[in-house]
C-alpha atoms as a PDB file:
ATOM      1  CA  MET A   1      88.993 166.225  97.666  1.00  0.00           C
ATOM      2  CA  ASN A   2      86.635 168.104  99.955  1.00  0.00           C
ATOM      3  CA  THR A   3      84.114 170.445  98.428  1.00  0.00           C
ATOM      4  CA  THR A   4      85.096 173.414 100.607  1.00  0.00           C
ATOM      5  CA  TYR A   5      88.632 173.469  99.162  1.00  0.00           C
ATOM      6  CA  ASN A   6      87.332 173.313  95.563  1.00  0.00           C
ATOM      7  CA  ASP A   7      84.766 176.006  96.251  1.00  0.00           C
ATOM      8  CA  LYS A   8      87.415 178.336  97.675  1.00  0.00           C
ATOM      9  CA  SER A   9      89.787 177.563  94.849  1.00  0.00           C
ATOM     10  CA  HIS A  10      87.156 178.410  92.248  1.00  0.00           C
ATOM     11  CA  PHE A  11      86.031 181.507  94.145  1.00  0.00           C
ATOM     12  CA  TYR A  12      89.494 183.059  94.525  1.00  0.00           C
ATOM     13  CA  GLY A  13      90.663 181.735  91.190  1.00  0.00           C
ATOM     14  CA  ARG A  14      87.851 183.481  89.330  1.00  0.00           C
ATOM     15  CA  ILE A  15      88.596 186.702  91.178  1.00  0.00           C
ATOM     16  CA  TRP A  16      92.250 186.587  90.162  1.00  0.00           C
ATOM     17  CA  ILE A  17      91.421 185.655  86.543  1.00  0.00           C
ATOM     18  CA  LEU A  18      88.969 188.564  86.263  1.00  0.00           C
ATOM     19  CA  THR A  19      91.395 190.908  87.996  1.00  0.00           C
ATOM     20  CA  ALA A  20      94.202 189.939  85.605  1.00  0.00           C
ATOM     21  CA  LEU A  21      91.874 190.377  82.586  1.00  0.00           C
ATOM     22  CA  PHE A  22      90.808 193.827  83.902  1.00  0.00           C
ATOM     23  CA  MET A  23      94.408 194.939  84.339  1.00  0.00           C
ATOM     24  CA  LEU A  24      95.434 193.721  80.888  1.00  0.00           C
ATOM     25  CA  LEU A  25      92.554 195.580  79.228  1.00  0.00           C
ATOM     26  CA  SER A  26      93.081 198.647  81.416  1.00  0.00           C
ATOM     27  CA  VAL A  27      96.553 199.389  80.079  1.00  0.00           C
ATOM     28  CA  PRO A  28      95.571 200.225  76.486  1.00  0.00           C
ATOM     29  CA  VAL A  29      92.393 201.961  77.653  1.00  0.00           C
ATOM     30  CA  VAL A  30      94.338 204.226  80.047  1.00  0.00           C
ATOM     31  CA  ILE A  31      96.892 205.064  77.355  1.00  0.00           C
ATOM     32  CA  CYS A  32      94.096 205.946  74.933  1.00  0.00           C
ATOM     33  CA  LEU A  33      92.425 208.094  77.550  1.00  0.00           C
ATOM     34  CA  TYR A  34      95.628 209.868  78.507  1.00  0.00           C
ATOM     35  CA  TYR A  35      96.654 210.701  74.939  1.00  0.00           C
ATOM     36  CA  GLY A  36      93.102 211.146  73.645  1.00  0.00           C
ATOM     37  CA  ALA A  37      93.826 208.812  70.775  1.00  0.00           C
ATOM     38  CA  TRP A  38      91.538 205.859  69.926  1.00  0.00           C
ATOM     39  CA  PRO A  39      92.174 203.337  67.189  1.00  0.00           C
ATOM     40  CA  GLU A  40      89.582 202.989  64.435  1.00  0.00           C
ATOM     41  CA  GLY A  41      87.118 200.172  64.799  1.00  0.00           C
ATOM     42  CA  THR A  42      87.985 198.725  61.423  1.00  0.00           C
ATOM     43  CA  ALA A  43      91.686 198.660  62.330  1.00  0.00           C
ATOM     44  CA  VAL A  44      90.956 196.832  65.595  1.00  0.00           C
ATOM     45  CA  LEU A  45      88.684 194.354  63.824  1.00  0.00           C
ATOM     46  CA  LYS A  46      91.270 193.753  61.107  1.00  0.00           C
ATOM     47  CA  GLY A  47      93.920 193.070  63.735  1.00  0.00           C
ATOM     48  CA  LEU A  48      91.681 190.741  65.697  1.00  0.00           C
ATOM     49  CA  LEU A  49      90.790 188.739  62.637  1.00  0.00           C
ATOM     50  CA  GLY A  50      94.461 187.914  62.152  1.00  0.00           C
ATOM     51  CA  VAL A  51      95.261 186.702  65.679  1.00  0.00           C
ATOM     52  CA  ALA A  52      92.048 186.148  67.672  1.00  0.00           C
ATOM     53  CA  PRO A  53      90.972 182.841  66.060  1.00  0.00           C
ATOM     54  CA  ILE A  54      94.421 181.339  66.738  1.00  0.00           C
ATOM     55  CA  PHE A  55      94.781 182.535  70.298  1.00  0.00           C
ATOM     56  CA  TRP A  56      91.148 181.845  71.286  1.00  0.00           C
ATOM     57  CA  THR A  57      91.313 178.344  69.898  1.00  0.00           C
ATOM     58  CA  VAL A  58      94.582 177.588  71.622  1.00  0.00           C
ATOM     59  CA  ALA A  59      93.235 179.053  74.849  1.00  0.00           C
ATOM     60  CA  VAL A  60      90.275 176.656  74.807  1.00  0.00           C
ATOM     61  CA  ILE A  61      92.509 173.712  73.968  1.00  0.00           C
ATOM     62  CA  GLU A  62      94.869 174.602  76.844  1.00  0.00           C
ATOM     63  CA  VAL A  63      92.023 174.773  79.368  1.00  0.00           C
ATOM     64  CA  PHE A  64      90.879 171.240  78.512  1.00  0.00           C
ATOM     65  CA  THR A  65      94.434 170.000  78.247  1.00  0.00           C
ATOM     66  CA  TYR A  66      96.046 171.496  81.350  1.00  0.00           C
ATOM     67  CA  GLY A  67      92.994 171.557  83.641  1.00  0.00           C
ATOM     68  CA  PRO A  68      92.910 167.856  84.531  1.00  0.00           C
ATOM     69  CA  MET A  69      96.679 167.772  84.554  1.00  0.00           C
ATOM     70  CA  LEU A  70      97.383 170.716  86.899  1.00  0.00           C
ATOM     71  CA  GLY A  71      94.341 170.547  89.209  1.00  0.00           C
ATOM     72  CA  THR A  72      91.995 173.344  90.308  1.00  0.00           C
ATOM     73  CA  GLY A  73      94.367 175.589  92.208  1.00  0.00           C
ATOM     74  CA  GLY A  74      97.317 174.935  89.880  1.00  0.00           C
ATOM     75  CA  SER A  75      95.228 175.738  86.771  1.00  0.00           C
ATOM     76  CA  TYR A  76      94.035 179.085  88.057  1.00  0.00           C
ATOM     77  CA  LEU A  77      97.521 180.006  89.214  1.00  0.00           C
ATOM     78  CA  ALA A  78      99.141 178.888  85.960  1.00  0.00           C
ATOM     79  CA  PHE A  79      96.680 180.748  83.756  1.00  0.00           C
ATOM     80  CA  VAL A  80      97.069 183.937  85.723  1.00  0.00           C
ATOM     81  CA  THR A  81     100.890 183.871  85.777  1.00  0.00           C
ATOM     82  CA  GLY A  82     101.221 182.509  82.224  1.00  0.00           C
ATOM     83  CA  ASN A  83     104.000 180.647  80.360  1.00  0.00           C
ATOM     84  CA  ILE A  84     102.258 177.297  81.100  1.00  0.00           C
ATOM     85  CA  THR A  85     103.832 175.163  78.385  1.00  0.00           C
ATOM     86  CA  ASN A  86     107.421 176.273  78.947  1.00  0.00           C
ATOM     87  CA  ILE A  87     107.532 176.484  82.737  1.00  0.00           C
ATOM     88  CA  LYS A  88     104.398 175.776  84.753  1.00  0.00           C
ATOM     89  CA  ALA A  89     103.302 172.426  83.308  1.00  0.00           C
ATOM     90  CA  PRO A  90     106.821 170.900  83.279  1.00  0.00           C
ATOM     91  CA  ALA A  91     107.354 172.095  86.894  1.00  0.00           C
ATOM     92  CA  ALA A  92     104.070 170.575  88.029  1.00  0.00           C
ATOM     93  CA  LEU A  93     104.561 167.300  86.165  1.00  0.00           C
ATOM     94  CA  ASN A  94     108.102 166.861  87.396  1.00  0.00           C
ATOM     95  CA  ALA A  95     107.090 167.624  90.956  1.00  0.00           C
ATOM     96  CA  MET A  96     104.251 165.102  90.864  1.00  0.00           C
ATOM     97  CA  GLU A  97     106.478 162.497  89.285  1.00  0.00           C
ATOM     98  CA  ASN A  98     109.177 163.009  91.912  1.00  0.00           C
ATOM     99  CA  ALA A  99     106.580 162.866  94.683  1.00  0.00           C
ATOM    100  CA  GLN A 100     105.098 159.692  93.044  1.00  0.00           C
ATOM    101  CA  VAL A 101     101.584 161.075  92.975  1.00  0.00           C
ATOM    102  CA  LYS A 102      99.045 161.025  90.112  1.00  0.00           C
ATOM    103  CA  PRO A 103      97.545 164.075  88.379  1.00  0.00           C
ATOM    104  CA  GLY A 104      93.932 164.517  89.471  1.00  0.00           C
ATOM    105  CA  SER A 105      94.471 163.043  92.936  1.00  0.00           C
ATOM    106  CA  GLU A 106      94.342 165.044  96.183  1.00  0.00           C
ATOM    107  CA  GLU A 107      98.069 164.756  96.599  1.00  0.00           C
ATOM    108  CA  GLY A 108      98.636 165.712  93.005  1.00  0.00           C
ATOM    109  CA  GLU A 109      96.483 168.774  93.462  1.00  0.00           C
ATOM    110  CA  VAL A 110      98.615 170.005  96.402  1.00  0.00           C
ATOM    111  CA  ILE A 111     101.960 169.160  94.798  1.00  0.00           C
ATOM    112  CA  SER A 112     100.972 170.781  91.507  1.00  0.00           C
ATOM    113  CA  THR A 113      99.812 174.007  93.155  1.00  0.00           C
ATOM    114  CA  LEU A 114     103.008 174.228  95.261  1.00  0.00           C
ATOM    115  CA  ALA A 115     105.221 173.579  92.221  1.00  0.00           C
ATOM    116  CA  ILE A 116     103.482 176.186  90.063  1.00  0.00           C
ATOM    117  CA  ALA A 117     103.541 178.740  92.892  1.00  0.00           C
ATOM    118  CA  THR A 118     107.240 178.151  93.417  1.00  0.00           C
ATOM    119  CA  SER A 119     108.051 178.448  89.720  1.00  0.00           C
ATOM    120  CA  SER A 120     106.030 181.689  89.543  1.00  0.00           C
ATOM    121  CA  ILE A 121     107.931 183.210  92.453  1.00  0.00           C
ATOM    122  CA  VAL A 122     111.286 182.140  90.981  1.00  0.00           C
ATOM    123  CA  THR A 123     110.339 183.462  87.524  1.00  0.00           C
ATOM    124  CA  THR A 124     109.326 186.801  88.963  1.00  0.00           C
ATOM    125  CA  LEU A 125     112.560 187.128  90.931  1.00  0.00           C
ATOM    126  CA  VAL A 126     114.664 186.235  87.880  1.00  0.00           C
ATOM    127  CA  ILE A 127     112.791 188.815  85.768  1.00  0.00           C
ATOM    128  CA  ALA A 128     113.196 191.430  88.477  1.00  0.00           C
ATOM    129  CA  VAL A 129     116.935 190.811  88.664  1.00  0.00           C
ATOM    130  CA  GLY A 130     117.158 190.891  84.888  1.00  0.00           C
ATOM    131  CA  VAL A 131     115.357 194.242  84.698  1.00  0.00           C
ATOM    132  CA  LEU A 132     117.533 195.759  87.426  1.00  0.00           C
ATOM    133  CA  LEU A 133     120.740 194.555  85.769  1.00  0.00           C
ATOM    134  CA  LEU A 134     119.581 195.151  82.173  1.00  0.00           C
ATOM    135  CA  SER A 135     122.109 197.908  81.439  1.00  0.00           C
ATOM    136  CA  VAL A 136     124.919 195.797  82.853  1.00  0.00           C
ATOM    137  CA  LEU A 137     123.857 192.589  81.060  1.00  0.00           C
ATOM    138  CA  THR A 138     123.061 194.100  77.633  1.00  0.00           C
ATOM    139  CA  PRO A 139     126.665 194.077  76.335  1.00  0.00           C
ATOM    140  CA  VAL A 140     127.027 190.483  77.502  1.00  0.00           C
ATOM    141  CA  LEU A 141     123.748 189.342  75.991  1.00  0.00           C
ATOM    142  CA  ASN A 142     124.564 191.011  72.649  1.00  0.00           C
ATOM    143  CA  SER A 143     127.965 189.391  72.491  1.00  0.00           C
ATOM    144  CA  PRO A 144     128.609 187.596  69.161  1.00  0.00           C
ATOM    145  CA  VAL A 145     130.104 184.702  71.156  1.00  0.00           C
ATOM    146  CA  LEU A 146     126.746 184.009  72.845  1.00  0.00           C
ATOM    147  CA  LYS A 147     124.548 184.602  69.796  1.00  0.00           C
ATOM    148  CA  PRO A 148     124.566 180.937  68.648  1.00  0.00           C
ATOM    149  CA  ALA A 149     123.451 179.867  72.139  1.00  0.00           C
ATOM    150  CA  PHE A 150     120.532 182.335  72.184  1.00  0.00           C
ATOM    151  CA  ASP A 151     119.457 181.268  68.676  1.00  0.00           C
ATOM    152  CA  ASN A 152     119.020 177.704  69.965  1.00  0.00           C
ATOM    153  CA  ILE A 153     117.231 178.389  73.292  1.00  0.00           C
ATOM    154  CA  LEU A 154     113.822 177.105  72.169  1.00  0.00           C
ATOM    155  CA  PRO A 155     115.152 173.941  70.474  1.00  0.00           C
ATOM    156  CA  ALA A 156     117.211 173.201  73.597  1.00  0.00           C
ATOM    157  CA  LEU A 157     114.273 173.851  75.921  1.00  0.00           C
ATOM    158  CA  PHE A 158     111.691 171.743  74.081  1.00  0.00           C
ATOM    159  CA  GLY A 159     114.254 169.109  73.151  1.00  0.00           C
ATOM    160  CA  GLY A 160     115.194 168.625  76.823  1.00  0.00           C
ATOM    161  CA  LEU A 161     111.538 168.392  77.775  1.00  0.00           C
ATOM    162  CA  ALA A 162     110.647 166.035  74.963  1.00  0.00           C
ATOM    163  CA  VAL A 163     113.464 163.587  75.670  1.00  0.00           C
ATOM    164  CA  VAL A 164     112.143 162.916  79.160  1.00  0.00           C
ATOM    165  CA  TYR A 165     108.702 161.878  77.976  1.00  0.00           C
ATOM    166  CA  ILE A 166     109.536 160.420  74.634  1.00  0.00           C
ATOM    167  CA  SER A 167     112.060 158.108  76.244  1.00  0.00           C
ATOM    168  CA  LYS A 168     109.272 156.688  78.454  1.00  0.00           C
ATOM    169  CA  ASN A 169     106.525 156.562  75.804  1.00  0.00           C
ATOM    170  CA  TRP A 170     108.331 156.517  72.428  1.00  0.00           C
ATOM    171  CA  LYS A 171     105.457 154.791  70.629  1.00  0.00           C
ATOM    172  CA  LEU A 172     103.078 157.605  71.498  1.00  0.00           C
ATOM    173  CA  SER A 173     105.498 160.172  70.053  1.00  0.00           C
ATOM    174  CA  LEU A 174     105.592 158.645  66.579  1.00  0.00           C
ATOM    175  CA  THR A 175     102.410 160.286  65.250  1.00  0.00           C
ATOM    176  CA  PRO A 176     103.201 163.881  66.207  1.00  0.00           C
ATOM    177  CA  LEU A 177     106.822 163.401  65.132  1.00  0.00           C
ATOM    178  CA  ILE A 178     105.717 162.195  61.657  1.00  0.00           C
ATOM    179  CA  PHE A 179     103.349 165.199  61.338  1.00  0.00           C
ATOM    180  CA  LEU A 180     106.204 167.538  62.290  1.00  0.00           C
ATOM    181  CA  LEU A 181     108.638 166.061  59.770  1.00  0.00           C
ATOM    182  CA  LEU A 182     106.211 165.751  56.866  1.00  0.00           C
ATOM    183  CA  PHE A 183     103.969 168.802  57.207  1.00  0.00           C
ATOM    184  CA  TYR A 184     104.915 171.340  59.855  1.00  0.00           C
ATOM    185  CA  ILE A 185     108.507 172.072  58.841  1.00  0.00           C
ATOM    186  CA  PRO A 186     107.780 172.328  55.061  1.00  0.00           C
ATOM    187  CA  ALA A 187     104.835 174.617  55.921  1.00  0.00           C
ATOM    188  CA  SER A 188     106.884 176.975  58.036  1.00  0.00           C
ATOM    189  CA  ASN A 189     105.926 179.898  55.803  1.00  0.00           C
ATOM    190  CA  SER A 190     102.193 179.213  55.922  1.00  0.00           C
ATOM    191  CA  ARG A 191     100.491 180.466  59.068  1.00  0.00           C
ATOM    192  CA  GLN A 192      97.180 178.815  58.185  1.00  0.00           C
ATOM    193  CA  ILE A 193      98.679 175.362  57.873  1.00  0.00           C
ATOM    194  CA  GLN A 194     100.840 175.947  60.980  1.00  0.00           C
ATOM    195  CA  PHE A 195      97.718 176.843  62.928  1.00  0.00           C
ATOM    196  CA  LEU A 196      95.871 173.632  61.928  1.00  0.00           C
ATOM    197  CA  LEU A 197      98.857 171.463  62.682  1.00  0.00           C
ATOM    198  CA  TYR A 198      99.351 173.185  66.037  1.00  0.00           C
ATOM    199  CA  ILE A 199      95.867 172.116  67.073  1.00  0.00           C
ATOM    200  CA  ILE A 200      96.711 168.540  66.147  1.00  0.00           C
ATOM    201  CA  LEU A 201     100.072 168.481  67.840  1.00  0.00           C
ATOM    202  CA  ALA A 202      99.010 170.438  70.952  1.00  0.00           C
ATOM    203  CA  GLY A 203      96.971 167.503  72.257  1.00  0.00           C
ATOM    204  CA  ARG A 204      98.454 165.633  75.137  1.00  0.00           C
ATOM    205  CA  ARG A 205      97.305 162.248  76.332  1.00  0.00           C
ATOM    206  CA  VAL A 206      97.285 161.761  80.075  1.00  0.00           C
ATOM    207  CA  ASP A 207      96.408 158.385  81.596  1.00  0.00           C
ATOM    208  CA  PHE A 208      94.601 159.064  84.854  1.00  0.00           C
ATOM    209  CA  SER A 209      93.130 155.587  85.221  1.00  0.00           C
ATOM    210  CA  GLY A 210      96.207 153.399  85.571  1.00  0.00           C
ATOM    211  CA  GLY A 211      99.562 153.750  87.126  1.00  0.00           C
ATOM    212  CA  GLY A 212     101.276 154.879  83.932  1.00  0.00           C
ATOM    213  CA  LYS A 213     101.876 158.490  83.031  1.00  0.00           C
ATOM    214  CA  ASP A 214     101.596 158.936  79.295  1.00  0.00           C
ATOM    215  CA  TYR A 215     102.366 162.360  77.820  1.00  0.00           C
ATOM    216  CA  VAL A 216     102.827 163.303  74.229  1.00  0.00           C
END
């Protein structure tokens, strides 16, 4: 992959990352300025101690996990638009698999970026339609008939994604599956144990050297 493309990807990617960070931090700052109300430092610190270690650790893990998988442009785009695990990574991996290209290759870089960009546009359009039709859709979404379906959205989503990769590499799935059955589910009420197990189970093995594509 030529250096010019990588340089431009890093240049514009850093701009968009910093812009997104600035906008996210600007919202609470502007609200505080407008209302003249600022939270106490101890309250902010107490709140950060509860969530920051988890989110910061996961953020670092995701950079090292998804970076080689999604490529330069795809990684920047995915981290700016968000929802990587649920939408962006599956979209990129499926696109590369259908195009029969490997992650980390020049072709994989292009396919991954296009797939993530497309999924971002589609997601934005779906959200926009949902917001515009929120008042119309609210009675339907709150229907008791549909409640069981909405209660099982996440199991259905991750189950569908897992079947594709577990069916190809079932031996690699045994270790995280055993951890889930023995430790994660019984520890569902303990955030500390959940956090440690999440770090273990969040790892994904990607074989860039050979022709196989191993994901766990």
